[in-house]
N, C-alpha and C. Protein backbone atom coordinates (compact mmCIF):
# COMPACT_ATOMS: atom_id res chain seq x y z
N UNK A 1 -16.89 5.08 -12.88
CA UNK A 1 -17.14 4.61 -11.68
C UNK A 1 -18.41 5.22 -11.13
N UNK A 2 -19.11 4.42 -10.33
CA UNK A 2 -20.41 5.01 -9.74
C UNK A 2 -20.12 6.13 -8.90
N UNK A 3 -21.24 6.98 -8.65
CA UNK A 3 -21.03 7.98 -7.68
C UNK A 3 -21.36 7.53 -6.44
N UNK A 4 -20.51 8.11 -5.29
CA UNK A 4 -20.85 7.74 -3.98
C UNK A 4 -21.32 8.80 -3.22
N UNK A 5 -21.80 8.71 -2.21
CA UNK A 5 -22.61 9.78 -1.23
C UNK A 5 -22.24 9.48 -0.01
N UNK A 6 -22.46 10.35 0.97
CA UNK A 6 -22.16 9.88 2.44
C UNK A 6 -23.21 10.98 3.24
N UNK A 7 -23.59 10.14 4.14
CA UNK A 7 -24.64 10.90 5.18
C UNK A 7 -24.26 11.96 5.96
N UNK A 8 -24.75 13.11 6.06
CA UNK A 8 -24.32 14.25 6.90
C UNK A 8 -25.48 14.56 7.82
N UNK A 9 -25.35 14.56 9.14
CA UNK A 9 -26.58 14.98 9.94
C UNK A 9 -26.07 16.25 10.99
N UNK A 10 -26.66 17.32 10.70
CA UNK A 10 -26.13 18.52 11.76
C UNK A 10 -24.75 18.69 11.64
N UNK A 11 -24.18 18.71 10.40
CA UNK A 11 -22.89 18.92 9.91
C UNK A 11 -21.79 18.10 10.29
N UNK A 12 -22.24 16.72 10.76
CA UNK A 12 -21.33 15.82 11.14
C UNK A 12 -21.62 14.57 10.16
N UNK A 13 -20.47 14.08 9.85
CA UNK A 13 -20.40 13.00 8.93
C UNK A 13 -20.83 11.60 9.49
N UNK A 14 -21.97 10.98 9.09
CA UNK A 14 -22.53 9.52 9.50
C UNK A 14 -22.14 8.55 8.69
N UNK A 15 -21.79 7.55 9.17
CA UNK A 15 -21.69 6.20 8.58
C UNK A 15 -20.49 6.30 7.58
N UNK A 16 -20.69 5.24 6.44
CA UNK A 16 -19.72 5.07 5.58
C UNK A 16 -20.35 5.45 4.20
N UNK A 17 -19.68 5.77 3.01
CA UNK A 17 -20.03 6.16 1.64
C UNK A 17 -20.86 4.99 1.24
N UNK A 18 -21.84 5.48 0.27
CA UNK A 18 -22.83 4.57 -0.14
C UNK A 18 -22.86 4.92 -1.57
N UNK A 19 -22.99 3.80 -2.55
CA UNK A 19 -23.25 3.88 -3.88
C UNK A 19 -24.60 4.58 -4.23
N UNK A 20 -24.63 5.51 -5.38
CA UNK A 20 -25.77 6.14 -5.60
C UNK A 20 -26.87 5.18 -6.10
N UNK A 21 -26.54 4.05 -6.56
CA UNK A 21 -27.63 3.15 -7.08
C UNK A 21 -28.41 2.51 -5.85
N UNK A 22 -27.50 2.49 -4.73
CA UNK A 22 -28.08 1.86 -3.59
C UNK A 22 -28.85 2.86 -2.92
N UNK A 23 -28.52 4.11 -2.73
CA UNK A 23 -29.26 5.22 -2.39
C UNK A 23 -30.75 5.34 -3.21
N UNK A 24 -30.75 5.15 -4.26
CA UNK A 24 -31.80 5.42 -5.18
C UNK A 24 -32.87 4.17 -5.03
N UNK A 25 -32.22 2.87 -4.86
CA UNK A 25 -33.05 1.83 -4.49
C UNK A 25 -33.76 1.84 -3.30
N UNK A 26 -33.17 2.45 -2.16
CA UNK A 26 -33.71 2.38 -0.87
C UNK A 26 -34.86 3.59 -0.85
N UNK A 27 -34.22 4.84 -1.56
CA UNK A 27 -35.10 6.01 -1.46
C UNK A 27 -35.44 6.26 -2.91
N UNK A 28 -36.40 5.84 -3.56
CA UNK A 28 -36.51 5.85 -5.20
C UNK A 28 -36.98 7.38 -5.50
N UNK A 29 -37.44 8.10 -4.50
CA UNK A 29 -37.95 9.52 -4.78
C UNK A 29 -36.80 10.69 -4.39
N UNK A 30 -35.64 10.17 -3.86
CA UNK A 30 -34.62 10.99 -3.39
C UNK A 30 -34.00 11.98 -4.84
N UNK A 31 -33.86 13.14 -4.34
CA UNK A 31 -33.22 13.92 -5.40
C UNK A 31 -32.09 14.45 -4.71
N UNK A 32 -30.92 13.82 -5.27
CA UNK A 32 -29.49 14.09 -4.72
C UNK A 32 -28.77 15.43 -4.96
N UNK A 33 -29.44 16.07 -6.09
CA UNK A 33 -28.79 17.29 -6.09
C UNK A 33 -29.30 18.46 -5.24
N UNK A 34 -30.53 18.23 -4.74
CA UNK A 34 -31.18 19.11 -4.00
C UNK A 34 -31.25 18.36 -2.45
N UNK A 35 -30.25 17.79 -2.00
CA UNK A 35 -30.39 17.01 -0.77
C UNK A 35 -29.28 17.27 0.08
N UNK A 36 -29.59 17.60 1.46
CA UNK A 36 -28.60 18.01 2.58
C UNK A 36 -28.05 16.88 3.16
N UNK A 37 -28.79 15.69 3.33
CA UNK A 37 -28.58 14.76 4.04
C UNK A 37 -27.40 13.88 3.53
N UNK A 38 -27.57 13.72 2.21
CA UNK A 38 -26.51 13.00 1.52
C UNK A 38 -25.71 13.75 0.61
N UNK A 39 -24.21 13.93 0.85
CA UNK A 39 -23.66 14.65 -0.04
C UNK A 39 -22.50 13.71 -1.09
N UNK A 40 -22.12 14.42 -2.06
CA UNK A 40 -21.06 13.73 -2.81
C UNK A 40 -19.82 13.33 -1.72
N UNK A 41 -19.52 12.28 -2.15
CA UNK A 41 -17.98 11.56 -1.51
C UNK A 41 -17.08 11.26 -2.68
N UNK A 42 -16.07 11.66 -2.32
CA UNK A 42 -14.87 11.48 -3.31
C UNK A 42 -13.83 10.28 -2.59
N UNK A 43 -13.81 8.96 -3.32
CA UNK A 43 -12.85 8.12 -2.75
C UNK A 43 -11.57 8.43 -3.31
N UNK A 44 -10.51 8.55 -2.38
CA UNK A 44 -9.23 8.79 -2.69
C UNK A 44 -8.51 7.41 -2.49
N UNK A 45 -7.65 7.04 -3.48
CA UNK A 45 -6.79 5.63 -3.35
C UNK A 45 -5.95 5.80 -2.28
N UNK A 46 -5.62 4.80 -1.58
CA UNK A 46 -4.56 4.42 -0.44
C UNK A 46 -3.32 4.77 -0.98
N UNK A 47 -2.52 5.61 -0.34
CA UNK A 47 -1.14 6.03 -0.78
C UNK A 47 -0.40 4.77 -0.73
N UNK A 48 0.73 4.65 -1.60
CA UNK A 48 1.97 3.71 -1.22
C UNK A 48 2.74 4.44 -0.04
N UNK A 49 3.00 3.60 0.91
CA UNK A 49 3.79 4.21 1.88
C UNK A 49 5.22 3.72 1.63
N UNK A 50 6.28 4.46 2.25
CA UNK A 50 7.66 4.19 2.35
C UNK A 50 7.87 3.01 3.39
N UNK A 51 9.28 2.48 3.24
CA UNK A 51 9.57 1.33 4.05
C UNK A 51 9.44 1.77 5.66
N UNK A 52 9.80 3.00 5.92
CA UNK A 52 9.86 3.68 7.16
C UNK A 52 8.67 4.52 7.56
N UNK A 53 7.47 4.07 7.22
CA UNK A 53 6.40 4.75 7.15
C UNK A 53 5.15 3.97 7.86
N UNK A 54 4.13 4.48 8.58
CA UNK A 54 3.07 3.87 8.99
C UNK A 54 1.79 4.45 8.47
N UNK A 55 1.03 3.62 7.78
CA UNK A 55 -0.46 3.98 7.59
C UNK A 55 -1.36 3.78 8.75
N UNK A 56 -1.81 4.98 9.38
CA UNK A 56 -2.71 4.85 10.65
C UNK A 56 -4.05 4.95 10.11
N UNK A 57 -4.43 4.73 8.93
CA UNK A 57 -5.82 4.69 8.65
C UNK A 57 -6.36 5.71 7.81
N UNK A 58 -7.82 5.85 7.63
CA UNK A 58 -8.43 6.87 6.72
C UNK A 58 -9.55 7.27 7.72
N UNK A 59 -9.76 8.75 7.36
CA UNK A 59 -10.97 9.29 8.05
C UNK A 59 -11.56 10.01 6.94
N UNK A 60 -13.05 10.34 7.03
CA UNK A 60 -13.88 11.01 6.11
C UNK A 60 -13.88 12.40 6.62
N UNK A 61 -13.53 13.21 5.68
CA UNK A 61 -13.36 14.86 6.05
C UNK A 61 -14.09 15.50 4.91
N UNK A 62 -14.70 16.82 5.40
CA UNK A 62 -15.16 17.80 4.55
C UNK A 62 -14.07 18.54 3.65
N UNK A 63 -14.34 18.51 2.51
CA UNK A 63 -13.38 19.11 1.50
C UNK A 63 -14.40 20.34 0.58
N UNK A 64 -14.76 21.47 1.15
CA UNK A 64 -15.47 22.41 0.63
C UNK A 64 -16.88 22.17 1.23
N UNK A 65 -17.74 22.77 0.90
CA UNK A 65 -19.05 23.05 1.45
C UNK A 65 -20.04 21.55 1.08
N UNK A 66 -19.69 20.91 0.02
CA UNK A 66 -20.57 19.90 -0.42
C UNK A 66 -19.86 18.99 -0.90
N UNK A 67 -18.71 18.44 -0.25
CA UNK A 67 -18.04 17.29 -0.70
C UNK A 67 -17.09 16.66 0.54
N UNK A 68 -17.38 15.33 0.75
CA UNK A 68 -16.69 14.84 1.58
C UNK A 68 -15.50 13.68 1.04
N UNK A 69 -14.31 13.51 1.31
CA UNK A 69 -13.42 12.65 0.91
C UNK A 69 -12.57 11.91 1.90
N UNK A 70 -11.99 10.86 1.46
CA UNK A 70 -10.95 10.14 2.46
C UNK A 70 -9.91 10.92 2.65
N UNK A 71 -9.22 10.96 3.76
CA UNK A 71 -7.89 11.62 4.14
C UNK A 71 -7.19 10.38 4.86
N UNK A 72 -6.04 10.16 4.15
CA UNK A 72 -5.26 9.08 4.80
C UNK A 72 -4.21 9.84 5.61
N UNK A 73 -3.84 8.96 6.75
CA UNK A 73 -3.12 9.44 7.90
C UNK A 73 -1.87 8.62 7.83
N UNK A 74 -0.70 9.12 7.11
CA UNK A 74 0.57 8.73 7.05
C UNK A 74 1.56 9.14 8.08
N UNK A 75 2.31 8.42 8.91
CA UNK A 75 3.39 9.14 9.74
C UNK A 75 4.67 8.41 9.53
N UNK A 76 5.61 9.15 9.68
CA UNK A 76 7.21 8.40 9.82
C UNK A 76 7.21 7.58 11.17
N UNK A 77 7.80 6.61 10.96
CA UNK A 77 8.21 5.67 11.98
C UNK A 77 9.07 6.26 13.12
N UNK A 78 8.89 6.17 14.32
CA UNK A 78 9.59 6.46 15.33
C UNK A 78 11.07 5.81 15.37
N UNK A 79 12.26 6.31 15.90
CA UNK A 79 13.48 5.76 15.80
C UNK A 79 13.41 4.21 16.32
N UNK A 80 12.58 3.83 17.40
CA UNK A 80 12.43 2.67 18.11
C UNK A 80 11.64 1.60 16.85
N UNK A 81 10.69 1.93 16.36
CA UNK A 81 9.95 1.29 15.25
C UNK A 81 10.83 1.15 14.12
N UNK A 82 11.49 2.07 13.57
CA UNK A 82 12.71 1.88 12.53
C UNK A 82 13.58 0.93 12.87
N UNK A 83 14.30 1.02 13.97
CA UNK A 83 15.47 -0.04 14.63
C UNK A 83 14.73 -1.23 14.73
N UNK A 84 13.63 -1.60 15.11
CA UNK A 84 12.85 -2.87 15.14
C UNK A 84 12.74 -3.62 13.76
N UNK A 85 12.52 -2.62 12.80
CA UNK A 85 12.23 -3.14 11.51
C UNK A 85 13.62 -3.50 10.86
N UNK A 86 14.55 -2.57 11.16
CA UNK A 86 15.84 -3.13 10.55
C UNK A 86 16.46 -4.35 11.23
N UNK A 87 16.02 -4.43 12.19
CA UNK A 87 16.52 -5.69 12.96
C UNK A 87 15.96 -6.97 12.74
N UNK A 88 14.63 -6.82 12.40
CA UNK A 88 13.90 -7.86 11.82
C UNK A 88 14.32 -8.37 10.57
N UNK A 89 14.72 -7.36 9.59
CA UNK A 89 15.10 -7.72 8.16
C UNK A 89 16.56 -8.33 8.16
N UNK A 90 17.46 -7.69 9.17
CA UNK A 90 18.78 -8.39 9.50
C UNK A 90 18.63 -9.53 9.81
N UNK A 91 17.64 -10.20 10.63
CA UNK A 91 17.74 -11.51 11.00
C UNK A 91 17.45 -12.45 9.89
N UNK A 92 17.12 -12.02 8.58
CA UNK A 92 16.63 -12.76 7.59
C UNK A 92 17.86 -12.96 6.53
N UNK A 93 19.03 -12.78 7.06
CA UNK A 93 20.06 -12.80 6.14
C UNK A 93 20.11 -14.33 5.38
N UNK A 94 20.30 -14.17 4.02
CA UNK A 94 20.17 -15.44 3.22
C UNK A 94 21.49 -16.07 3.29
N UNK A 95 22.58 -15.54 3.00
CA UNK A 95 23.99 -16.23 3.07
C UNK A 95 24.77 -15.27 3.78
N UNK A 96 25.84 -15.78 4.50
CA UNK A 96 27.01 -15.21 5.20
C UNK A 96 27.55 -14.01 4.50
N UNK A 97 27.70 -14.28 3.15
CA UNK A 97 28.54 -13.19 2.16
C UNK A 97 27.84 -12.00 1.86
N UNK A 98 26.32 -11.99 1.89
CA UNK A 98 25.79 -11.20 1.40
C UNK A 98 25.64 -9.98 2.29
N UNK A 99 25.40 -8.48 1.88
CA UNK A 99 25.37 -7.45 2.49
C UNK A 99 24.29 -6.80 2.75
N UNK A 100 23.97 -6.18 3.92
CA UNK A 100 22.77 -5.52 3.94
C UNK A 100 22.83 -3.95 3.93
N UNK A 101 21.53 -3.59 3.42
CA UNK A 101 21.49 -2.09 3.12
C UNK A 101 20.22 -1.52 4.09
N UNK A 102 20.51 -0.96 5.20
CA UNK A 102 19.47 -0.25 6.02
C UNK A 102 18.60 0.66 5.45
N UNK A 103 19.08 1.42 4.58
CA UNK A 103 18.03 2.32 3.77
C UNK A 103 17.00 1.56 3.02
N UNK A 104 17.18 0.38 2.39
CA UNK A 104 16.15 -0.32 1.74
C UNK A 104 15.67 -1.59 2.22
N UNK A 105 16.20 -2.03 3.28
CA UNK A 105 16.18 -3.14 3.89
C UNK A 105 16.28 -4.56 3.10
N UNK A 106 17.23 -4.20 2.31
CA UNK A 106 17.61 -5.33 1.25
C UNK A 106 18.99 -6.17 1.40
N UNK A 107 19.03 -7.33 1.03
CA UNK A 107 20.41 -7.97 1.11
C UNK A 107 20.91 -8.11 -0.40
N UNK A 108 22.26 -8.13 -0.40
CA UNK A 108 22.79 -8.23 -1.88
C UNK A 108 23.90 -9.14 -2.02
N UNK A 109 23.80 -9.86 -2.95
CA UNK A 109 25.07 -10.79 -3.00
C UNK A 109 26.18 -10.15 -3.45
N UNK A 110 27.33 -10.69 -3.15
CA UNK A 110 28.83 -10.19 -3.63
C UNK A 110 28.74 -9.93 -5.24
N UNK A 111 28.13 -10.91 -5.95
CA UNK A 111 27.93 -10.98 -7.68
C UNK A 111 26.51 -10.80 -7.78
N UNK A 112 26.23 -9.79 -8.46
CA UNK A 112 24.77 -9.65 -8.91
C UNK A 112 24.20 -10.83 -9.73
N UNK A 113 23.00 -11.00 -9.56
CA UNK A 113 22.19 -12.07 -10.37
C UNK A 113 22.47 -11.87 -11.82
N UNK A 114 22.67 -13.03 -12.66
CA UNK A 114 23.11 -12.60 -13.99
C UNK A 114 22.06 -11.84 -14.73
N UNK A 115 22.46 -11.00 -15.52
CA UNK A 115 21.67 -9.92 -16.24
C UNK A 115 20.86 -10.52 -17.25
N UNK A 116 21.43 -11.57 -17.94
CA UNK A 116 20.72 -12.06 -19.06
C UNK A 116 19.77 -13.26 -18.69
N UNK A 117 19.62 -13.33 -17.36
CA UNK A 117 18.69 -14.65 -16.90
C UNK A 117 17.42 -14.49 -17.54
N UNK A 118 16.86 -13.35 -17.62
CA UNK A 118 15.37 -13.25 -18.19
C UNK A 118 15.31 -13.67 -19.55
N UNK A 119 16.27 -13.03 -20.39
CA UNK A 119 16.19 -13.21 -21.82
C UNK A 119 16.58 -14.64 -21.87
N UNK A 120 17.49 -15.44 -21.35
CA UNK A 120 17.84 -16.73 -21.66
C UNK A 120 16.95 -17.69 -20.95
N UNK A 121 16.03 -17.22 -20.22
CA UNK A 121 15.04 -18.06 -19.43
C UNK A 121 15.80 -19.16 -18.46
N UNK A 122 17.04 -18.73 -18.18
CA UNK A 122 17.67 -19.65 -17.17
C UNK A 122 17.71 -19.43 -15.62
N UNK A 123 17.62 -20.35 -15.04
CA UNK A 123 17.31 -19.93 -13.46
C UNK A 123 18.89 -20.16 -12.71
N UNK A 124 19.03 -19.59 -11.70
CA UNK A 124 20.34 -19.68 -11.06
C UNK A 124 20.18 -19.69 -9.52
N UNK A 125 21.03 -20.39 -8.95
CA UNK A 125 20.98 -20.35 -7.45
C UNK A 125 22.36 -19.92 -7.01
N UNK A 126 22.28 -19.31 -5.80
CA UNK A 126 23.46 -18.80 -5.30
C UNK A 126 24.11 -19.99 -4.71
N UNK A 127 25.47 -19.98 -4.95
CA UNK A 127 26.41 -20.89 -4.46
C UNK A 127 27.55 -20.30 -3.40
N UNK A 128 27.28 -20.37 -2.22
CA UNK A 128 27.99 -19.70 -1.12
C UNK A 128 29.48 -20.13 -1.21
N UNK A 129 29.70 -21.47 -1.51
CA UNK A 129 31.24 -21.91 -1.57
C UNK A 129 32.05 -21.08 -2.53
N UNK A 130 31.67 -20.88 -3.82
CA UNK A 130 32.27 -20.36 -4.87
C UNK A 130 31.90 -18.74 -4.81
N UNK A 131 30.89 -18.33 -3.97
CA UNK A 131 30.51 -16.85 -4.06
C UNK A 131 30.11 -16.36 -5.37
N UNK A 132 29.27 -17.39 -6.04
CA UNK A 132 28.89 -17.04 -7.54
C UNK A 132 27.46 -17.74 -7.65
N UNK A 133 26.76 -17.34 -8.81
CA UNK A 133 25.66 -17.83 -9.15
C UNK A 133 25.88 -19.10 -10.02
N UNK A 134 25.18 -20.25 -9.81
CA UNK A 134 25.29 -21.42 -10.66
C UNK A 134 23.83 -21.72 -11.32
N UNK A 135 24.04 -22.02 -12.74
CA UNK A 135 22.96 -22.40 -13.36
C UNK A 135 22.11 -23.44 -12.73
N UNK A 136 20.78 -23.61 -12.76
CA UNK A 136 19.83 -24.60 -12.34
C UNK A 136 19.79 -25.44 -13.41
N UNK A 137 20.25 -26.72 -13.34
CA UNK A 137 20.05 -27.69 -14.46
C UNK A 137 18.94 -28.58 -14.14
N UNK A 138 17.94 -28.60 -15.05
CA UNK A 138 16.71 -29.22 -14.88
C UNK A 138 16.87 -30.77 -15.19
N UNK A 139 16.53 -31.75 -14.58
CA UNK A 139 16.68 -33.19 -14.83
C UNK A 139 15.78 -33.51 -15.90
N UNK A 140 16.12 -34.14 -17.10
CA UNK A 140 15.14 -34.57 -18.09
C UNK A 140 14.26 -35.73 -17.76
């Protein structure tokens, strides 16, 4: 992956990261190894957040004297945010017989989906009257 740099003026981070090739194209005589205005930037992948967490964005922060990197700000949901998310998921009940798990925000049928469905390449639909999975028969 191509190197990134970020502009620093009077010890403050300015603008957004820029690719090394773009810097060289704009400033062909730049010597990045001996330059105080543009310092190396490290891109940090966005973290995967939990179902009860909020990604509040990213900032650029110094990590040592000559490196700036992404710092992601993740926080736990407040009790009211968590409850709102739970209620929203509850409103999406697929069938009356299914049960809801508040810790994963998932609905589960009383009978699990057929375990061999993938290997047999069969499709099934839930039948609420019999509380079971019925094979979907395709018309020829």
